[in-house]
Amino acid sequence: MPAPSSAAVPAGALRRRRRAHAPLGVATRGTTGADRLRRTDRWIAGPGARVLLGAADPLVVDLGFGASPVTTLQLARALRRVRPDVEVVGLEIDPARAAHAAEVAGGLPPERVRGVAFGVGGFELGGPVAGRRPVLVRAANVLRQYDAADAPAAWGAVGERLAPGGLLLDVTCDELGRRASWAVVGRSGPEQLVLSVRLADLGRPSEVAERLPKVLIHDNVPGSPVHALLTALDAAWDRAAPLAPWGPRQRWLAACHGLREDGWPVRHRAPEGGPRRWRLGEVALDWSAVAS
């Protein structure tokens, strides 16, 4: 299989198709790795599970899973604990990647691939899920490789195909999954921004800035809402410095409390927020906090 290109996806790639019925989008670099998306797996199997538990058709799509099926298989394993009859379909624009994933899955024990399938498709959610309405779609490190102007088009293309109450997660993370953020997008648009960091090696919360969703990363300049948010989170972290001897978890908990007390729309009720989620190095806010 040829090595994936490292070139960025051309601007406007989601606003045109090369031919009728072709998958919507362009193949990306495809880099992935085991446990890279563990933070989103944990969120999907936690707060995100609400859309799965009551679904008549418990279909989840891992969109643009990359050159290896490992993260799709790990997502399925996490979701089977919540909904044993979940169906997880990995979609890739590159037919070679989809074929390779199916071949790998075919060589694994049946219990590891139960309810998992792979196929060719893009943001139109075609291939093996065409005509169906997934309750959840994860697109991890996919839109990061597109032009920022393409993100709303991708959200809209997926959103109109979601089941009622369904969600799209537009995820960006670093290579080891230590810093991550994702936009939680419903059929009508973005609902939440979630920031998730590994507290053990966190210097300052704003280190997550390099892993913001594509629609936000270029707006992180003085005067923008997202820059103001990260500045406020750093300030809350600094105020919590006296708790550092008790460990970064206690300091992060205090910073999340402080951010909410400063008036930011921090989700503080279970399942999306509150100390139980904050202890994981996670904080969720209403999208209004960063909307331009």
Protein backbone atom coordinates (compact mmCIF):
# COMPACT_ATOMS: atom_id res chain seq x y z
CA MET A 1 0.00 0.00 0.00
CA PRO A 2 1.50 3.38 -0.96
CA ALA A 3 2.50 5.73 1.81
CA PRO A 4 -0.12 8.40 2.46
CA SER A 5 0.69 11.92 1.31
CA SER A 6 1.61 14.51 3.90
CA ALA A 7 0.21 17.36 1.81
CA ALA A 8 -2.69 19.38 3.14
CA VAL A 9 -6.11 18.89 1.59
CA PRO A 10 -6.83 21.62 -1.00
CA ALA A 11 -9.16 24.42 0.03
CA GLY A 12 -12.72 23.87 -1.12
CA ALA A 13 -12.35 20.09 -1.23
CA LEU A 14 -15.70 19.61 0.49
CA ARG A 15 -17.53 21.95 -1.84
CA ARG A 16 -16.89 19.92 -4.97
CA ARG A 17 -16.83 16.32 -6.06
CA ARG A 18 -14.66 14.85 -8.74
CA ARG A 19 -17.55 12.76 -10.09
CA ALA A 20 -21.13 11.93 -9.25
CA HIS A 21 -21.59 9.55 -6.31
CA ALA A 22 -17.90 9.81 -5.35
CA PRO A 23 -17.15 9.99 -1.61
CA LEU A 24 -17.26 13.54 -0.33
CA GLY A 25 -13.78 14.73 0.65
CA VAL A 26 -10.17 13.88 -0.09
CA ALA A 27 -7.93 11.20 1.43
CA THR A 28 -5.83 12.61 4.27
CA ARG A 29 -2.48 11.54 5.73
CA GLY A 30 -4.06 8.64 7.53
CA THR A 31 -1.66 8.60 10.48
CA THR A 32 -2.99 6.81 13.55
CA GLY A 33 -1.88 4.60 16.42
CA ALA A 34 -3.12 2.44 19.27
CA ASP A 35 -4.63 4.39 22.18
CA ARG A 36 -4.29 7.69 20.35
CA LEU A 37 -8.03 8.32 20.67
CA ARG A 38 -8.53 6.87 24.15
CA ARG A 39 -9.75 10.24 25.45
CA THR A 40 -12.56 10.40 22.93
CA ASP A 41 -13.36 6.70 23.46
CA ARG A 42 -13.81 7.49 27.15
CA TRP A 43 -16.08 10.45 26.42
CA ILE A 44 -18.17 8.58 23.83
CA ALA A 45 -18.66 5.66 26.23
CA GLY A 46 -19.52 8.16 29.00
CA PRO A 47 -21.38 11.40 28.27
CA GLY A 48 -21.79 10.48 24.61
CA ALA A 49 -23.45 7.18 25.42
CA ARG A 50 -26.79 8.90 26.02
CA VAL A 51 -27.41 8.99 22.26
CA LEU A 52 -26.54 5.31 21.96
CA LEU A 53 -28.51 3.82 24.82
CA GLY A 54 -31.96 4.67 23.50
CA ALA A 55 -31.24 4.21 19.80
CA ALA A 56 -33.34 1.77 17.79
CA ASP A 57 -30.42 1.43 15.36
CA PRO A 58 -27.20 1.69 17.44
CA LEU A 59 -24.95 2.63 14.51
CA VAL A 60 -21.67 4.50 15.09
CA VAL A 61 -19.35 5.63 12.29
CA ASP A 62 -15.59 6.13 12.66
CA LEU A 63 -14.98 8.47 9.74
CA GLY A 64 -11.49 8.67 8.25
CA PHE A 65 -9.95 6.05 10.55
CA GLY A 66 -6.64 6.14 8.66
CA ALA A 67 -4.08 3.59 7.54
CA SER A 68 -4.80 1.19 10.41
CA PRO A 69 -8.13 0.00 11.86
CA VAL A 70 -6.80 -0.04 15.42
CA THR A 71 -8.71 3.01 16.70
CA THR A 72 -12.00 1.79 15.19
CA LEU A 73 -11.56 -1.56 16.93
CA GLN A 74 -10.75 0.17 20.22
CA LEU A 75 -13.85 2.37 19.89
CA ALA A 76 -16.02 -0.70 19.29
CA ARG A 77 -14.55 -2.41 22.36
CA ALA A 78 -15.35 0.62 24.53
CA LEU A 79 -18.91 0.91 23.21
CA ARG A 80 -19.75 -2.78 23.57
CA ARG A 81 -19.47 -2.27 27.33
CA VAL A 82 -22.25 0.30 27.07
CA ARG A 83 -24.38 -1.21 24.31
CA PRO A 84 -23.46 -4.82 23.46
CA ASP A 85 -25.34 -4.74 20.14
CA VAL A 86 -23.59 -1.59 18.89
CA GLU A 87 -22.52 -1.56 15.24
CA VAL A 88 -19.33 0.37 14.45
CA VAL A 89 -18.45 1.06 10.81
CA GLY A 90 -15.08 2.49 9.83
CA LEU A 91 -15.24 4.62 6.67
CA GLU A 92 -12.27 5.72 4.56
CA ILE A 93 -12.15 7.55 1.24
CA ASP A 94 -9.06 5.58 0.25
CA PRO A 95 -10.24 2.13 -0.98
CA ALA A 96 -6.83 0.62 -0.18
CA ARG A 97 -7.14 1.61 3.47
CA ALA A 98 -10.67 0.22 3.70
CA ALA A 99 -9.57 -3.07 2.12
CA HIS A 100 -6.55 -3.31 4.42
CA ALA A 101 -8.74 -2.72 7.47
CA ALA A 102 -11.17 -5.44 6.41
CA GLU A 103 -8.25 -7.82 5.85
CA VAL A 104 -6.81 -7.10 9.30
CA ALA A 105 -10.21 -7.54 10.92
CA GLY A 106 -10.70 -10.82 9.10
CA GLY A 107 -7.62 -12.24 10.79
CA LEU A 108 -8.70 -11.35 14.34
CA PRO A 109 -10.73 -13.44 16.81
CA PRO A 110 -14.48 -13.04 16.23
CA GLU A 111 -15.07 -11.46 19.64
CA ARG A 112 -12.71 -8.57 18.76
CA VAL A 113 -14.54 -7.69 15.55
CA ARG A 114 -18.11 -8.39 16.60
CA GLY A 115 -20.34 -5.67 15.16
CA VAL A 116 -17.44 -4.01 13.27
CA ALA A 117 -17.28 -3.42 9.51
CA PHE A 118 -15.20 -1.30 7.14
CA GLY A 119 -15.97 0.35 3.83
CA VAL A 120 -15.40 3.25 1.46
CA GLY A 121 -17.11 6.55 2.21
CA GLY A 122 -16.63 10.18 3.09
CA PHE A 123 -18.61 12.97 4.69
CA GLU A 124 -21.68 11.92 2.74
CA LEU A 125 -21.70 8.74 4.90
CA GLY A 126 -22.00 6.42 1.95
CA GLY A 127 -20.75 2.91 1.32
CA PRO A 128 -21.98 0.38 3.89
CA VAL A 129 -23.95 3.02 5.85
CA ALA A 130 -25.66 4.71 2.88
CA GLY A 131 -29.30 5.40 3.64
CA ARG A 132 -28.90 4.78 7.38
CA ARG A 133 -28.76 7.37 10.13
CA PRO A 134 -25.95 6.89 12.65
CA VAL A 135 -26.42 8.10 16.18
CA LEU A 136 -22.77 9.10 16.44
CA VAL A 137 -19.99 9.92 13.97
CA ARG A 138 -16.37 10.45 15.00
CA ALA A 139 -14.05 12.28 12.62
CA ALA A 140 -10.66 12.31 14.38
CA ASN A 141 -7.77 14.34 12.97
CA VAL A 142 -9.60 14.54 9.64
CA LEU A 143 -10.75 18.16 9.34
CA ARG A 144 -7.43 19.34 10.76
CA GLN A 145 -6.00 18.55 7.33
CA TYR A 146 -8.63 20.60 5.46
CA ASP A 147 -9.02 24.33 4.98
CA ALA A 148 -10.84 25.97 7.89
CA ALA A 149 -13.60 27.16 5.57
CA ASP A 150 -14.43 23.53 4.77
CA ALA A 151 -15.33 22.58 8.34
CA PRO A 152 -18.88 24.01 8.37
CA ALA A 153 -19.61 22.21 5.08
CA ALA A 154 -18.41 18.92 6.61
CA TRP A 155 -20.50 19.48 9.72
CA GLY A 156 -23.55 20.17 7.58
CA ALA A 157 -23.03 17.15 5.32
CA VAL A 158 -22.76 14.80 8.29
CA GLY A 159 -25.41 16.56 10.38
CA GLU A 160 -28.17 16.14 7.86
CA ARG A 161 -27.55 12.37 7.87
CA LEU A 162 -27.50 11.89 11.64
CA ALA A 163 -30.31 10.21 13.51
CA PRO A 164 -32.51 12.55 15.57
CA GLY A 165 -30.43 13.57 18.57
CA GLY A 166 -27.28 12.22 16.92
CA LEU A 167 -23.85 13.75 17.33
CA LEU A 168 -20.70 14.36 15.30
CA LEU A 169 -17.39 14.62 17.13
CA ASP A 170 -14.84 16.73 15.23
CA VAL A 171 -11.68 15.65 17.08
CA THR A 172 -8.08 16.82 17.03
CA CYS A 173 -5.34 15.32 19.20
CA ASP A 174 -1.58 14.97 19.34
CA GLU A 175 0.27 11.87 18.19
CA LEU A 176 0.14 10.16 21.59
CA GLY A 177 -3.34 11.30 22.60
CA ARG A 178 -2.13 13.44 25.51
CA ARG A 179 -3.71 16.69 24.31
CA ALA A 180 -7.09 16.64 22.59
CA SER A 181 -10.15 18.73 21.90
CA TRP A 182 -13.36 18.14 20.05
CA ALA A 183 -16.41 19.98 18.85
CA VAL A 184 -19.64 18.17 19.70
CA VAL A 185 -21.91 18.91 16.77
CA GLY A 186 -25.62 18.15 16.52
CA ARG A 187 -27.90 18.23 13.51
CA SER A 188 -28.39 21.98 13.98
CA GLY A 189 -24.76 22.91 14.62
CA PRO A 190 -22.06 22.85 17.31
CA GLU A 191 -23.18 22.35 20.90
CA GLN A 192 -20.05 21.90 23.01
CA LEU A 193 -16.29 22.29 23.03
CA VAL A 194 -14.45 19.65 25.06
CA LEU A 195 -10.81 20.06 26.12
CA SER A 196 -8.98 16.97 27.40
CA VAL A 197 -5.37 16.82 28.62
CA ARG A 198 -3.05 14.41 30.38
CA LEU A 199 -2.57 16.14 33.71
CA ALA A 200 0.65 14.35 34.67
CA ASP A 201 2.72 16.33 32.21
CA LEU A 202 0.63 19.48 31.81
CA GLY A 203 2.53 22.74 32.03
CA ARG A 204 -0.32 25.15 31.29
CA PRO A 205 -3.86 24.46 30.01
CA SER A 206 -3.29 26.60 26.92
CA GLU A 207 -0.90 23.93 25.64
CA VAL A 208 -4.03 22.38 24.10
CA ALA A 209 -4.22 25.35 21.70
CA GLU A 210 -2.27 23.45 19.02
CA ARG A 211 -4.95 20.75 19.08
CA LEU A 212 -8.05 22.89 18.81
CA PRO A 213 -10.66 21.99 16.18
CA LYS A 214 -9.92 23.41 12.76
CA VAL A 215 -12.66 26.03 13.00
CA LEU A 216 -10.98 27.48 16.10
CA ILE A 217 -7.25 27.01 15.76
CA HIS A 218 -6.64 29.95 13.44
CA ASP A 219 -8.92 32.17 15.55
CA ASN A 220 -6.73 31.78 18.62
CA VAL A 221 -5.47 35.36 18.53
CA PRO A 222 -5.92 38.18 21.03
CA GLY A 223 -9.46 39.51 20.91
CA SER A 224 -11.10 36.25 19.87
CA PRO A 225 -13.42 34.23 22.15
CA VAL A 226 -11.27 31.10 22.06
CA HIS A 227 -8.14 33.08 22.97
CA ALA A 228 -10.04 34.69 25.84
CA LEU A 229 -11.15 31.23 27.02
CA LEU A 230 -7.64 29.79 27.05
CA THR A 231 -6.31 32.91 28.76
CA ALA A 232 -8.99 32.60 31.44
CA LEU A 233 -8.26 28.89 31.92
CA ASP A 234 -4.54 29.64 32.33
CA ALA A 235 -5.40 32.34 34.86
CA ALA A 236 -7.60 29.93 36.83
CA TRP A 237 -4.77 27.37 36.72
CA ASP A 238 -2.34 29.99 38.05
CA ARG A 239 -4.69 30.90 40.90
CA ALA A 240 -4.85 27.23 41.83
CA ALA A 241 -1.04 26.99 42.12
CA PRO A 242 -1.17 26.60 45.95
CA LEU A 243 -2.79 23.20 45.35
CA ALA A 244 0.15 21.97 43.24
CA PRO A 245 1.71 20.01 46.15
CA TRP A 246 -1.45 17.84 46.19
CA GLY A 247 -0.98 17.00 42.53
CA PRO A 248 -2.13 18.30 39.14
CA ARG A 249 -5.56 16.68 39.46
CA GLN A 250 -6.51 18.79 42.47
CA ARG A 251 -5.14 21.87 40.75
CA TRP A 252 -7.16 21.13 37.58
CA LEU A 253 -10.33 20.59 39.60
CA ALA A 254 -9.86 23.99 41.21
CA ALA A 255 -9.13 25.60 37.85
CA CYS A 256 -12.36 24.20 36.37
CA HIS A 257 -14.32 25.47 39.35
CA GLY A 258 -12.58 28.83 39.00
CA LEU A 259 -13.33 29.08 35.29
CA ARG A 260 -17.03 28.52 35.99
CA GLU A 261 -16.99 31.06 38.81
CA ASP A 262 -15.51 33.56 36.35
CA GLY A 263 -18.70 33.27 34.31
CA TRP A 264 -17.67 30.84 31.57
CA PRO A 265 -20.39 28.34 30.51
CA VAL A 266 -18.61 25.31 31.92
CA ARG A 267 -20.72 22.17 31.92
CA HIS A 268 -20.85 21.26 35.60
CA ARG A 269 -23.63 18.70 35.79
CA ALA A 270 -23.27 15.01 35.07
CA PRO A 271 -22.79 13.39 32.67
CA GLU A 272 -20.97 16.07 30.61
CA GLY A 273 -19.31 17.94 33.44
CA GLY A 274 -18.60 18.19 37.12
CA PRO A 275 -15.75 16.82 39.22
CA ARG A 276 -16.06 13.29 37.86
CA ARG A 277 -15.18 14.48 34.34
CA TRP A 278 -12.77 17.15 35.50
CA ARG A 279 -10.71 14.58 37.39
CA LEU A 280 -9.97 12.98 34.00
CA GLY A 281 -8.30 16.17 32.77
CA GLU A 282 -11.40 17.15 30.84
CA VAL A 283 -13.61 20.23 30.74
CA ALA A 284 -16.66 20.81 28.54
CA LEU A 285 -18.16 24.20 27.73
CA ASP A 286 -21.16 25.37 25.77
CA TRP A 287 -20.13 26.28 22.23
CA SER A 288 -21.29 29.84 22.93
CA ALA A 289 -18.02 30.29 24.83
CA VAL A 290 -16.01 30.23 21.59
CA ALA A 291 -18.54 31.20 18.92
CA SER A 292 -17.40 34.21 16.91
